[in-house]
Amino acid sequence: MLDLIIIGGGPSGINVAISAERAGLDYLILEKGVIANSLFHFPINMTFFSTSLKLEIQDTPFISHQDKPTRTEALEYYRRLVQNYDLRIRLYEEVCKMEAIDGGYRVESAKGSYEARNVVVSTGFYDTPRLMHIPGEDLPKVRHYYDDPHVYIGQRVLVVGAANSACDAALECYRKGAEVTMAIRGEAIYDRVKYWIKPDIENRIKEGSIKAYFNTTTDEIRPDEVVLGTPDGQITIPNDFVLAMTGYEPNYELFERLGLAIAEDESCKPIFNPETLETTLPGVYMAGVACAGRQTSKLFIENTRDHGDIIINGITARQQPA
């Protein structure tokens, strides 16, 4: 029986694993994709809003060419952490369910079964897009992750949303030669858009380079067009691709399979002790940004860096003889 199973191999999972390694615990990380799988799905040319200093974990320096690191630099940083600490991690092994057993838990993945006294859930939220639940959302031309503007050269692109991801995608696609339209539920660009992006996107809309429909919903997606619900009624516009930048949320389906209790309010936060990060299941802990539930703008890598030590200190204290 292991001391600890960590579900999720992103920054928070790696952080907990390093704390476990330093404490001499027998642990294993189970990751459904690649190392830092959520960050891997970030746009190829993305630059973090935070500085590399704020993204460092476990006092391991994060060296970047600029003050704010790129996606590529972040992926390299977390890869080096796994390699340098020789962390025990199994990739491409998605967790299916968990059940309580005598002395701990049995965690079953797509490839095996493991037993541990403690479990940490550090699955983030970027792997689970917030769906619009409209007809046509499952068409191949609909993307919930923005990757590279080269794909959309000369194409009619609808960007749904008005936060950072939507504005970045709209500007990059426009500058590569796409015909960009934005469908925005509110009456303006989101207030918290990065300070160097917000005036850029607002000026492109003002001059007509990017067409924006405010107070508008996306009602239906068809192979060659989309239907928008505007204040003046429904309109249909020609379309080749839809970038649905509607945000992301924790994997609640997985939480249900694990048996985690969720708060019955707008936050939908997992229920846990804020001082120990232990959930209502004894020996099962939450770590990282998933602790914020649907309030995805509340927690980031930089303000959850203490989660690893908090959890491991609690586990080791419990295992010490009286």
C-alpha atoms as a PDB file:
ATOM      1  CA  MET A   1       0.000   0.000   0.000  1.00  0.00           C
ATOM      2  CA  LEU A   2       1.348   3.425  -0.999  1.00  0.00           C
ATOM      3  CA  ASP A   3       1.410   6.389   1.334  1.00  0.00           C
ATOM      4  CA  LEU A   4      -0.099   8.632  -1.323  1.00  0.00           C
ATOM      5  CA  ILE A   5      -1.658   8.679  -4.774  1.00  0.00           C
ATOM      6  CA  ILE A   6      -1.733  12.035  -6.561  1.00  0.00           C
ATOM      7  CA  ILE A   7      -4.373  12.413  -9.269  1.00  0.00           C
ATOM      8  CA  GLY A   8      -3.097  14.958 -11.792  1.00  0.00           C
ATOM      9  CA  GLY A   9       0.448  15.683 -13.008  1.00  0.00           C
ATOM     10  CA  GLY A  10       0.235  19.448 -13.477  1.00  0.00           C
ATOM     11  CA  PRO A  11       2.005  22.139 -11.424  1.00  0.00           C
ATOM     12  CA  SER A  12       0.004  21.342  -8.261  1.00  0.00           C
ATOM     13  CA  GLY A  13       0.444  17.587  -8.551  1.00  0.00           C
ATOM     14  CA  ILE A  14       4.182  18.023  -9.137  1.00  0.00           C
ATOM     15  CA  ASN A  15       4.333  20.384  -6.175  1.00  0.00           C
ATOM     16  CA  VAL A  16       2.704  17.818  -3.861  1.00  0.00           C
ATOM     17  CA  ALA A  17       4.947  15.054  -5.216  1.00  0.00           C
ATOM     18  CA  ILE A  18       8.130  17.025  -4.475  1.00  0.00           C
ATOM     19  CA  SER A  19       6.917  17.619  -0.909  1.00  0.00           C
ATOM     20  CA  ALA A  20       6.180  13.887  -0.614  1.00  0.00           C
ATOM     21  CA  GLU A  21       9.605  13.027  -2.035  1.00  0.00           C
ATOM     22  CA  ARG A  22      11.329  15.257   0.503  1.00  0.00           C
ATOM     23  CA  ALA A  23       9.296  13.709   3.331  1.00  0.00           C
ATOM     24  CA  GLY A  24      10.288  10.200   2.278  1.00  0.00           C
ATOM     25  CA  LEU A  25       6.733   9.107   1.443  1.00  0.00           C
ATOM     26  CA  ASP A  26       5.925   6.338  -1.013  1.00  0.00           C
ATOM     27  CA  TYR A  27       3.760   8.070  -3.635  1.00  0.00           C
ATOM     28  CA  LEU A  28       2.636   7.846  -7.253  1.00  0.00           C
ATOM     29  CA  ILE A  29       1.238  10.459  -9.671  1.00  0.00           C
ATOM     30  CA  LEU A  30      -1.462   9.339 -12.105  1.00  0.00           C
ATOM     31  CA  GLU A  31      -1.841  11.727 -15.068  1.00  0.00           C
ATOM     32  CA  LYS A  32      -4.381  11.196 -17.841  1.00  0.00           C
ATOM     33  CA  GLY A  33      -2.251  12.956 -20.466  1.00  0.00           C
ATOM     34  CA  VAL A  34       1.195  14.523 -20.648  1.00  0.00           C
ATOM     35  CA  ILE A  35       3.162  16.305 -17.920  1.00  0.00           C
ATOM     36  CA  ALA A  36       1.334  19.583 -17.191  1.00  0.00           C
ATOM     37  CA  ASN A  37      -1.452  18.460 -19.498  1.00  0.00           C
ATOM     38  CA  SER A  38      -3.545  21.591 -18.966  1.00  0.00           C
ATOM     39  CA  LEU A  39      -0.654  23.914 -19.843  1.00  0.00           C
ATOM     40  CA  PHE A  40       0.043  21.808 -22.926  1.00  0.00           C
ATOM     41  CA  HIS A  41      -3.387  22.839 -24.244  1.00  0.00           C
ATOM     42  CA  PHE A  42      -2.626  26.552 -23.873  1.00  0.00           C
ATOM     43  CA  PRO A  43      -2.167  28.506 -27.143  1.00  0.00           C
ATOM     44  CA  ILE A  44       1.237  27.820 -28.688  1.00  0.00           C
ATOM     45  CA  ASN A  45       2.318  31.486 -28.554  1.00  0.00           C
ATOM     46  CA  MET A  46       0.849  32.237 -25.120  1.00  0.00           C
ATOM     47  CA  THR A  47       2.720  34.352 -22.558  1.00  0.00           C
ATOM     48  CA  PHE A  48       1.822  34.054 -18.871  1.00  0.00           C
ATOM     49  CA  PHE A  49       0.432  37.055 -17.052  1.00  0.00           C
ATOM     50  CA  SER A  50       2.493  36.085 -13.979  1.00  0.00           C
ATOM     51  CA  THR A  51       6.261  36.392 -13.756  1.00  0.00           C
ATOM     52  CA  SER A  52       8.502  33.334 -13.692  1.00  0.00           C
ATOM     53  CA  LEU A  53       9.393  34.174 -10.075  1.00  0.00           C
ATOM     54  CA  LYS A  54       5.752  33.824  -9.020  1.00  0.00           C
ATOM     55  CA  LEU A  55       5.404  30.522 -10.883  1.00  0.00           C
ATOM     56  CA  GLU A  56       8.370  28.866  -9.170  1.00  0.00           C
ATOM     57  CA  ILE A  57       7.550  25.956  -6.895  1.00  0.00           C
ATOM     58  CA  GLN A  58       9.560  24.292  -4.143  1.00  0.00           C
ATOM     59  CA  ASP A  59      12.297  26.966  -4.339  1.00  0.00           C
ATOM     60  CA  THR A  60      13.413  25.640  -7.734  1.00  0.00           C
ATOM     61  CA  PRO A  61      14.368  28.571 -10.016  1.00  0.00           C
ATOM     62  CA  PHE A  62      12.254  29.141 -13.124  1.00  0.00           C
ATOM     63  CA  ILE A  63      14.515  30.728 -15.731  1.00  0.00           C
ATOM     64  CA  SER A  64      12.847  32.507 -18.659  1.00  0.00           C
ATOM     65  CA  HIS A  65      14.125  34.846 -21.365  1.00  0.00           C
ATOM     66  CA  GLN A  66      11.660  37.565 -20.383  1.00  0.00           C
ATOM     67  CA  ASP A  67      10.049  38.589 -17.108  1.00  0.00           C
ATOM     68  CA  LYS A  68       6.842  36.789 -18.106  1.00  0.00           C
ATOM     69  CA  PRO A  69       7.507  33.240 -19.366  1.00  0.00           C
ATOM     70  CA  THR A  70       5.982  31.555 -22.393  1.00  0.00           C
ATOM     71  CA  ARG A  71       4.015  28.327 -22.580  1.00  0.00           C
ATOM     72  CA  THR A  72       7.069  26.555 -24.018  1.00  0.00           C
ATOM     73  CA  GLU A  73       9.268  27.720 -21.141  1.00  0.00           C
ATOM     74  CA  ALA A  74       6.668  26.624 -18.586  1.00  0.00           C
ATOM     75  CA  LEU A  75       6.381  23.141 -20.092  1.00  0.00           C
ATOM     76  CA  GLU A  76      10.166  22.826 -20.021  1.00  0.00           C
ATOM     77  CA  TYR A  77      10.278  23.974 -16.398  1.00  0.00           C
ATOM     78  CA  TYR A  78       7.781  21.380 -15.185  1.00  0.00           C
ATOM     79  CA  ARG A  79       9.421  18.662 -17.278  1.00  0.00           C
ATOM     80  CA  ARG A  80      12.761  19.448 -15.624  1.00  0.00           C
ATOM     81  CA  LEU A  81      11.161  19.305 -12.171  1.00  0.00           C
ATOM     82  CA  VAL A  82       9.853  15.800 -12.874  1.00  0.00           C
ATOM     83  CA  GLN A  83      13.229  14.742 -14.252  1.00  0.00           C
ATOM     84  CA  ASN A  84      15.468  16.377 -11.635  1.00  0.00           C
ATOM     85  CA  TYR A  85      13.475  15.064  -8.667  1.00  0.00           C
ATOM     86  CA  ASP A  86      12.960  11.711 -10.431  1.00  0.00           C
ATOM     87  CA  LEU A  87       9.261  11.891  -9.596  1.00  0.00           C
ATOM     88  CA  ARG A  88       7.233   8.708  -9.856  1.00  0.00           C
ATOM     89  CA  ILE A  89       4.586   9.477 -12.453  1.00  0.00           C
ATOM     90  CA  ARG A  90       2.495   7.390 -14.838  1.00  0.00           C
ATOM     91  CA  LEU A  91       1.370   9.291 -17.942  1.00  0.00           C
ATOM     92  CA  TYR A  92      -1.649   8.570 -20.160  1.00  0.00           C
ATOM     93  CA  GLU A  93      -3.326   6.814 -17.245  1.00  0.00           C
ATOM     94  CA  GLU A  94      -6.726   8.315 -16.522  1.00  0.00           C
ATOM     95  CA  VAL A  95      -8.342   7.616 -13.158  1.00  0.00           C
ATOM     96  CA  CYS A  96     -11.737   5.945 -13.431  1.00  0.00           C
ATOM     97  CA  LYS A  97     -12.952   5.559  -9.849  1.00  0.00           C
ATOM     98  CA  MET A  98     -11.995   5.328  -6.195  1.00  0.00           C
ATOM     99  CA  GLU A  99     -13.366   3.302  -3.306  1.00  0.00           C
ATOM    100  CA  ALA A 100     -12.628   3.153   0.390  1.00  0.00           C
ATOM    101  CA  ILE A 101     -10.847   0.045   1.665  1.00  0.00           C
ATOM    102  CA  ASP A 102      -9.460  -0.967   5.024  1.00  0.00           C
ATOM    103  CA  GLY A 103      -6.711   1.513   5.823  1.00  0.00           C
ATOM    104  CA  GLY A 104      -7.122   3.747   2.795  1.00  0.00           C
ATOM    105  CA  TYR A 105      -8.418   3.794  -0.770  1.00  0.00           C
ATOM    106  CA  ARG A 106      -8.274   1.767  -3.950  1.00  0.00           C
ATOM    107  CA  VAL A 107      -7.839   3.953  -7.025  1.00  0.00           C
ATOM    108  CA  GLU A 108      -8.572   2.371 -10.383  1.00  0.00           C
ATOM    109  CA  SER A 109      -7.246   3.765 -13.635  1.00  0.00           C
ATOM    110  CA  ALA A 110      -7.636   2.709 -17.232  1.00  0.00           C
ATOM    111  CA  LYS A 111      -4.470   0.629 -16.846  1.00  0.00           C
ATOM    112  CA  GLY A 112      -4.351  -0.655 -13.293  1.00  0.00           C
ATOM    113  CA  SER A 113      -5.440  -0.629  -9.669  1.00  0.00           C
ATOM    114  CA  TYR A 114      -3.545   0.990  -6.797  1.00  0.00           C
ATOM    115  CA  GLU A 115      -3.983   1.190  -3.034  1.00  0.00           C
ATOM    116  CA  ALA A 116      -2.919   4.109  -0.865  1.00  0.00           C
ATOM    117  CA  ARG A 117      -3.506   5.477   2.604  1.00  0.00           C
ATOM    118  CA  ASN A 118      -4.049   8.985   1.218  1.00  0.00           C
ATOM    119  CA  VAL A 119      -5.166  10.567  -2.052  1.00  0.00           C
ATOM    120  CA  VAL A 120      -4.638  14.079  -3.421  1.00  0.00           C
ATOM    121  CA  VAL A 121      -6.880  15.423  -6.192  1.00  0.00           C
ATOM    122  CA  SER A 122      -5.012  18.067  -8.200  1.00  0.00           C
ATOM    123  CA  THR A 123      -6.770  17.961 -11.550  1.00  0.00           C
ATOM    124  CA  GLY A 124      -7.015  21.703 -12.295  1.00  0.00           C
ATOM    125  CA  PHE A 125      -9.827  22.867 -14.563  1.00  0.00           C
ATOM    126  CA  TYR A 126      -8.421  23.699 -18.006  1.00  0.00           C
ATOM    127  CA  ASP A 127      -9.025  20.149 -19.272  1.00  0.00           C
ATOM    128  CA  THR A 128     -12.812  20.577 -19.076  1.00  0.00           C
ATOM    129  CA  PRO A 129     -14.314  23.308 -21.285  1.00  0.00           C
ATOM    130  CA  ARG A 130     -17.583  24.928 -20.285  1.00  0.00           C
ATOM    131  CA  LEU A 131     -19.979  23.886 -23.021  1.00  0.00           C
ATOM    132  CA  MET A 132     -22.671  26.082 -24.566  1.00  0.00           C
ATOM    133  CA  HIS A 133     -25.118  23.172 -24.991  1.00  0.00           C
ATOM    134  CA  ILE A 134     -26.440  24.378 -28.338  1.00  0.00           C
ATOM    135  CA  PRO A 135     -27.193  22.541 -31.598  1.00  0.00           C
ATOM    136  CA  GLY A 136     -24.071  22.000 -33.683  1.00  0.00           C
ATOM    137  CA  GLU A 137     -21.555  22.400 -30.872  1.00  0.00           C
ATOM    138  CA  ASP A 138     -20.200  18.948 -31.665  1.00  0.00           C
ATOM    139  CA  LEU A 139     -19.365  19.826 -35.296  1.00  0.00           C
ATOM    140  CA  PRO A 140     -15.662  19.366 -36.246  1.00  0.00           C
ATOM    141  CA  LYS A 141     -15.278  23.078 -36.962  1.00  0.00           C
ATOM    142  CA  VAL A 142     -15.952  23.993 -33.303  1.00  0.00           C
ATOM    143  CA  ARG A 143     -12.875  24.353 -31.102  1.00  0.00           C
ATOM    144  CA  HIS A 144     -12.884  24.859 -27.328  1.00  0.00           C
ATOM    145  CA  TYR A 145      -9.111  25.240 -27.319  1.00  0.00           C
ATOM    146  CA  TYR A 146      -7.329  27.856 -29.371  1.00  0.00           C
ATOM    147  CA  ASP A 147      -4.035  26.610 -30.728  1.00  0.00           C
ATOM    148  CA  ASP A 148      -2.393  28.477 -33.609  1.00  0.00           C
ATOM    149  CA  PRO A 149      -3.719  31.290 -35.857  1.00  0.00           C
ATOM    150  CA  HIS A 150      -2.130  29.696 -38.942  1.00  0.00           C
ATOM    151  CA  VAL A 151      -5.083  27.296 -39.102  1.00  0.00           C
ATOM    152  CA  TYR A 152      -7.548  30.147 -39.669  1.00  0.00           C
ATOM    153  CA  ILE A 153      -5.837  32.152 -42.419  1.00  0.00           C
ATOM    154  CA  GLY A 154      -8.471  33.322 -44.895  1.00  0.00           C
ATOM    155  CA  GLN A 155     -11.303  31.755 -42.889  1.00  0.00           C
ATOM    156  CA  ARG A 156     -14.490  33.227 -41.437  1.00  0.00           C
ATOM    157  CA  VAL A 157     -14.014  32.764 -37.700  1.00  0.00           C
ATOM    158  CA  LEU A 158     -16.536  33.346 -34.923  1.00  0.00           C
ATOM    159  CA  VAL A 159     -14.955  33.864 -31.490  1.00  0.00           C
ATOM    160  CA  VAL A 160     -17.398  33.309 -28.627  1.00  0.00           C
ATOM    161  CA  GLY A 161     -16.480  35.149 -25.431  1.00  0.00           C
ATOM    162  CA  ALA A 162     -14.840  38.383 -24.252  1.00  0.00           C
ATOM    163  CA  ALA A 163     -12.193  37.327 -21.712  1.00  0.00           C
ATOM    164  CA  ASN A 164      -8.443  36.886 -22.192  1.00  0.00           C
ATOM    165  CA  SER A 165      -8.564  33.720 -24.303  1.00  0.00           C
ATOM    166  CA  ALA A 166     -11.235  35.122 -26.623  1.00  0.00           C
ATOM    167  CA  CYS A 167      -9.486  38.464 -27.114  1.00  0.00           C
ATOM    168  CA  ASP A 168      -6.104  36.827 -27.740  1.00  0.00           C
ATOM    169  CA  ALA A 169      -7.617  34.459 -30.292  1.00  0.00           C
ATOM    170  CA  ALA A 170      -9.564  37.214 -32.061  1.00  0.00           C
ATOM    171  CA  LEU A 171      -6.522  39.490 -32.397  1.00  0.00           C
ATOM    172  CA  GLU A 172      -4.108  36.790 -33.539  1.00  0.00           C
ATOM    173  CA  CYS A 173      -6.533  35.369 -36.107  1.00  0.00           C
ATOM    174  CA  TYR A 174      -7.336  38.847 -37.440  1.00  0.00           C
ATOM    175  CA  ARG A 175      -3.642  39.663 -37.842  1.00  0.00           C
ATOM    176  CA  LYS A 176      -3.044  36.425 -39.754  1.00  0.00           C
ATOM    177  CA  GLY A 177      -5.761  37.252 -42.260  1.00  0.00           C
ATOM    178  CA  ALA A 178      -8.925  35.709 -40.856  1.00  0.00           C
ATOM    179  CA  GLU A 179     -12.314  37.445 -41.040  1.00  0.00           C
ATOM    180  CA  VAL A 180     -13.118  37.627 -37.335  1.00  0.00           C
ATOM    181  CA  THR A 181     -16.493  38.117 -35.665  1.00  0.00           C
ATOM    182  CA  MET A 182     -17.056  38.078 -31.911  1.00  0.00           C
ATOM    183  CA  ALA A 183     -20.240  37.041 -30.088  1.00  0.00           C
ATOM    184  CA  ILE A 184     -20.227  38.601 -26.607  1.00  0.00           C
ATOM    185  CA  ARG A 185     -22.923  37.943 -23.992  1.00  0.00           C
ATOM    186  CA  GLY A 186     -22.244  41.177 -22.102  1.00  0.00           C
ATOM    187  CA  GLU A 187     -22.259  44.789 -23.175  1.00  0.00           C
ATOM    188  CA  ALA A 188     -18.461  45.198 -23.263  1.00  0.00           C
ATOM    189  CA  ILE A 189     -15.114  43.423 -23.270  1.00  0.00           C
ATOM    190  CA  TYR A 190     -14.440  41.754 -19.906  1.00  0.00           C
ATOM    191  CA  ASP A 191     -12.927  44.199 -17.409  1.00  0.00           C
ATOM    192  CA  ARG A 192     -10.104  41.871 -16.361  1.00  0.00           C
ATOM    193  CA  VAL A 193      -8.634  41.350 -19.809  1.00  0.00           C
ATOM    194  CA  LYS A 194      -4.841  41.878 -19.734  1.00  0.00           C
ATOM    195  CA  TYR A 195      -4.043  45.580 -19.707  1.00  0.00           C
ATOM    196  CA  TRP A 196      -2.019  45.420 -22.940  1.00  0.00           C
ATOM    197  CA  ILE A 197      -4.728  43.410 -24.750  1.00  0.00           C
ATOM    198  CA  LYS A 198      -7.889  45.311 -23.764  1.00  0.00           C
ATOM    199  CA  PRO A 199      -7.242  48.606 -25.622  1.00  0.00           C
ATOM    200  CA  ASP A 200      -6.004  46.666 -28.650  1.00  0.00           C
ATOM    201  CA  ILE A 201      -9.163  44.589 -29.037  1.00  0.00           C
ATOM    202  CA  GLU A 202     -11.427  47.577 -28.277  1.00  0.00           C
ATOM    203  CA  ASN A 203      -9.723  49.674 -30.947  1.00  0.00           C
ATOM    204  CA  ARG A 204      -9.951  46.884 -33.539  1.00  0.00           C
ATOM    205  CA  ILE A 205     -13.674  46.617 -32.817  1.00  0.00           C
ATOM    206  CA  LYS A 206     -14.136  50.384 -32.922  1.00  0.00           C
ATOM    207  CA  GLU A 207     -12.442  50.712 -36.316  1.00  0.00           C
ATOM    208  CA  GLY A 208     -14.429  47.770 -37.718  1.00  0.00           C
ATOM    209  CA  SER A 209     -11.484  45.442 -38.293  1.00  0.00           C
ATOM    210  CA  ILE A 210     -13.190  42.927 -36.000  1.00  0.00           C
ATOM    211  CA  LYS A 211     -16.985  42.772 -35.999  1.00  0.00           C
ATOM    212  CA  ALA A 212     -18.446  42.398 -32.509  1.00  0.00           C
ATOM    213  CA  TYR A 213     -22.033  41.651 -31.477  1.00  0.00           C
ATOM    214  CA  PHE A 214     -22.653  42.626 -27.843  1.00  0.00           C
ATOM    215  CA  ASN A 215     -25.479  41.331 -25.613  1.00  0.00           C
ATOM    216  CA  THR A 216     -25.533  38.414 -28.007  1.00  0.00           C
ATOM    217  CA  THR A 217     -25.828  34.646 -27.648  1.00  0.00           C
ATOM    218  CA  THR A 218     -24.696  31.909 -29.997  1.00  0.00           C
ATOM    219  CA  ASP A 219     -27.898  29.958 -30.642  1.00  0.00           C
ATOM    220  CA  GLU A 220     -26.962  27.384 -33.275  1.00  0.00           C
ATOM    221  CA  ILE A 221     -23.925  26.258 -35.262  1.00  0.00           C
ATOM    222  CA  ARG A 222     -24.343  24.890 -38.765  1.00  0.00           C
ATOM    223  CA  PRO A 223     -21.749  23.494 -41.218  1.00  0.00           C
ATOM    224  CA  ASP A 224     -21.416  26.784 -43.154  1.00  0.00           C
ATOM    225  CA  GLU A 225     -23.036  29.372 -40.882  1.00  0.00           C
ATOM    226  CA  VAL A 226     -23.956  30.311 -37.318  1.00  0.00           C
ATOM    227  CA  VAL A 227     -27.137  31.718 -35.788  1.00  0.00           C
ATOM    228  CA  LEU A 228     -26.706  34.540 -33.282  1.00  0.00           C
ATOM    229  CA  GLY A 229     -29.309  35.933 -30.918  1.00  0.00           C
ATOM    230  CA  THR A 230     -28.827  39.712 -30.934  1.00  0.00           C
ATOM    231  CA  PRO A 231     -30.845  42.466 -29.212  1.00  0.00           C
ATOM    232  CA  ASP A 232     -32.544  42.998 -32.595  1.00  0.00           C
ATOM    233  CA  GLY A 233     -33.415  39.332 -33.064  1.00  0.00           C
ATOM    234  CA  GLN A 234     -31.704  36.317 -34.584  1.00  0.00           C
ATOM    235  CA  ILE A 235     -29.267  36.750 -37.445  1.00  0.00           C
ATOM    236  CA  THR A 236     -27.388  34.193 -39.546  1.00  0.00           C
ATOM    237  CA  ILE A 237     -23.831  34.818 -40.694  1.00  0.00           C
ATOM    238  CA  PRO A 238     -21.528  32.694 -42.883  1.00  0.00           C
ATOM    239  CA  ASN A 239     -18.876  30.828 -40.940  1.00  0.00           C
ATOM    240  CA  ASP A 240     -15.991  28.368 -41.326  1.00  0.00           C
ATOM    241  CA  PHE A 241     -14.767  27.946 -37.721  1.00  0.00           C
ATOM    242  CA  VAL A 242     -16.081  28.627 -34.216  1.00  0.00           C
ATOM    243  CA  LEU A 243     -13.629  29.269 -31.381  1.00  0.00           C
ATOM    244  CA  ALA A 244     -15.772  28.785 -28.278  1.00  0.00           C
ATOM    245  CA  MET A 245     -13.678  30.565 -25.648  1.00  0.00           C
ATOM    246  CA  THR A 246     -16.399  30.140 -23.024  1.00  0.00           C
ATOM    247  CA  GLY A 247     -14.140  29.213 -20.132  1.00  0.00           C
ATOM    248  CA  TYR A 248     -13.378  26.028 -18.255  1.00  0.00           C
ATOM    249  CA  GLU A 249     -14.381  24.265 -15.051  1.00  0.00           C
ATOM    250  CA  PRO A 250     -13.204  21.395 -12.849  1.00  0.00           C
ATOM    251  CA  ASN A 251     -13.976  17.856 -13.939  1.00  0.00           C
ATOM    252  CA  TYR A 252     -17.150  17.388 -11.899  1.00  0.00           C
ATOM    253  CA  GLU A 253     -17.834  14.031 -13.513  1.00  0.00           C
ATOM    254  CA  LEU A 254     -14.558  12.768 -12.052  1.00  0.00           C
ATOM    255  CA  PHE A 255     -15.338  14.370  -8.673  1.00  0.00           C
ATOM    256  CA  GLU A 256     -18.607  12.458  -8.594  1.00  0.00           C
ATOM    257  CA  ARG A 257     -16.856   9.183  -9.404  1.00  0.00           C
ATOM    258  CA  LEU A 258     -14.352   9.857  -6.625  1.00  0.00           C
ATOM    259  CA  GLY A 259     -17.164  10.583  -4.159  1.00  0.00           C
ATOM    260  CA  LEU A 260     -16.152  14.183  -3.407  1.00  0.00           C
ATOM    261  CA  ALA A 261     -18.774  16.427  -1.808  1.00  0.00           C
ATOM    262  CA  ILE A 262     -19.494  19.672  -3.705  1.00  0.00           C
ATOM    263  CA  ALA A 263     -20.875  22.901  -2.244  1.00  0.00           C
ATOM    264  CA  GLU A 264     -24.470  23.577  -3.270  1.00  0.00           C
ATOM    265  CA  ASP A 265     -23.970  27.206  -4.238  1.00  0.00           C
ATOM    266  CA  GLU A 266     -22.756  29.167  -7.263  1.00  0.00           C
ATOM    267  CA  SER A 267     -19.115  28.365  -6.561  1.00  0.00           C
ATOM    268  CA  CYS A 268     -19.629  24.578  -6.752  1.00  0.00           C
ATOM    269  CA  LYS A 269     -16.402  24.252  -4.772  1.00  0.00           C
ATOM    270  CA  PRO A 270     -15.310  20.870  -3.446  1.00  0.00           C
ATOM    271  CA  ILE A 271     -15.908  20.818   0.295  1.00  0.00           C
ATOM    272  CA  PHE A 272     -12.643  20.715   2.239  1.00  0.00           C
ATOM    273  CA  ASN A 273     -10.986  22.081   5.359  1.00  0.00           C
ATOM    274  CA  PRO A 274      -9.264  25.328   4.268  1.00  0.00           C
ATOM    275  CA  GLU A 275      -6.502  24.841   6.851  1.00  0.00           C
ATOM    276  CA  THR A 276      -5.599  21.238   6.000  1.00  0.00           C
ATOM    277  CA  LEU A 277      -7.121  20.911   2.480  1.00  0.00           C
ATOM    278  CA  GLU A 278      -8.665  17.584   3.585  1.00  0.00           C
ATOM    279  CA  THR A 279     -12.079  16.836   2.089  1.00  0.00           C
ATOM    280  CA  THR A 280     -15.017  15.186   3.809  1.00  0.00           C
ATOM    281  CA  LEU A 281     -13.385  11.856   2.889  1.00  0.00           C
ATOM    282  CA  PRO A 282     -10.698  11.137   5.525  1.00  0.00           C
ATOM    283  CA  GLY A 283      -7.247  11.121   3.948  1.00  0.00           C
ATOM    284  CA  VAL A 284      -8.426  12.629   0.638  1.00  0.00           C
ATOM    285  CA  TYR A 285      -7.154  16.141  -0.113  1.00  0.00           C
ATOM    286  CA  MET A 286      -7.687  18.864  -2.701  1.00  0.00           C
ATOM    287  CA  ALA A 287      -4.759  20.807  -4.176  1.00  0.00           C
ATOM    288  CA  GLY A 288      -4.326  23.646  -6.653  1.00  0.00           C
ATOM    289  CA  VAL A 289      -6.782  25.648  -8.694  1.00  0.00           C
ATOM    290  CA  ALA A 290      -9.519  22.986  -8.595  1.00  0.00           C
ATOM    291  CA  CYS A 291     -10.136  24.074  -4.987  1.00  0.00           C
ATOM    292  CA  ALA A 292     -11.908  27.179  -6.339  1.00  0.00           C
ATOM    293  CA  GLY A 293     -14.646  25.243  -8.142  1.00  0.00           C
ATOM    294  CA  ARG A 294     -16.254  27.355 -10.851  1.00  0.00           C
ATOM    295  CA  GLN A 295     -14.597  30.517  -9.501  1.00  0.00           C
ATOM    296  CA  THR A 296     -11.663  29.911 -11.806  1.00  0.00           C
ATOM    297  CA  SER A 297     -10.267  33.429 -11.476  1.00  0.00           C
ATOM    298  CA  LYS A 298      -9.680  33.052  -7.723  1.00  0.00           C
ATOM    299  CA  LEU A 299      -6.770  30.599  -7.613  1.00  0.00           C
ATOM    300  CA  PHE A 300      -3.649  30.313  -9.760  1.00  0.00           C
ATOM    301  CA  ILE A 301      -0.305  28.533  -9.592  1.00  0.00           C
ATOM    302  CA  GLU A 302       1.264  31.381  -7.618  1.00  0.00           C
ATOM    303  CA  ASN A 303      -1.269  31.430  -4.768  1.00  0.00           C
ATOM    304  CA  THR A 304      -1.500  27.644  -4.330  1.00  0.00           C
ATOM    305  CA  ARG A 305       2.235  26.935  -4.081  1.00  0.00           C
ATOM    306  CA  ASP A 306       1.917  26.152  -0.360  1.00  0.00           C
ATOM    307  CA  HIS A 307      -0.598  23.356  -0.921  1.00  0.00           C
ATOM    308  CA  GLY A 308       2.073  20.674  -1.265  1.00  0.00           C
ATOM    309  CA  ASP A 309       3.670  21.349   2.098  1.00  0.00           C
ATOM    310  CA  ILE A 310       0.294  21.834   3.829  1.00  0.00           C
ATOM    311  CA  ILE A 311      -0.939  18.423   2.685  1.00  0.00           C
ATOM    312  CA  ILE A 312       2.280  16.487   3.278  1.00  0.00           C
ATOM    313  CA  ASN A 313       2.800  18.040   6.711  1.00  0.00           C
ATOM    314  CA  GLY A 314      -0.712  16.926   7.633  1.00  0.00           C
ATOM    315  CA  ILE A 315      -0.124  13.395   6.353  1.00  0.00           C
ATOM    316  CA  THR A 316       3.238  12.953   8.085  1.00  0.00           C
ATOM    317  CA  ALA A 317       1.881  14.364  11.348  1.00  0.00           C
ATOM    318  CA  ARG A 318      -0.961  11.856  11.267  1.00  0.00           C
ATOM    319  CA  GLN A 319       1.417   8.964  10.583  1.00  0.00           C
ATOM    320  CA  GLN A 320       3.718   9.786  13.522  1.00  0.00           C
ATOM    321  CA  PRO A 321       3.196   7.531  16.552  1.00  0.00           C
ATOM    322  CA  ALA A 322       1.556   9.146  19.538  1.00  0.00           C
END
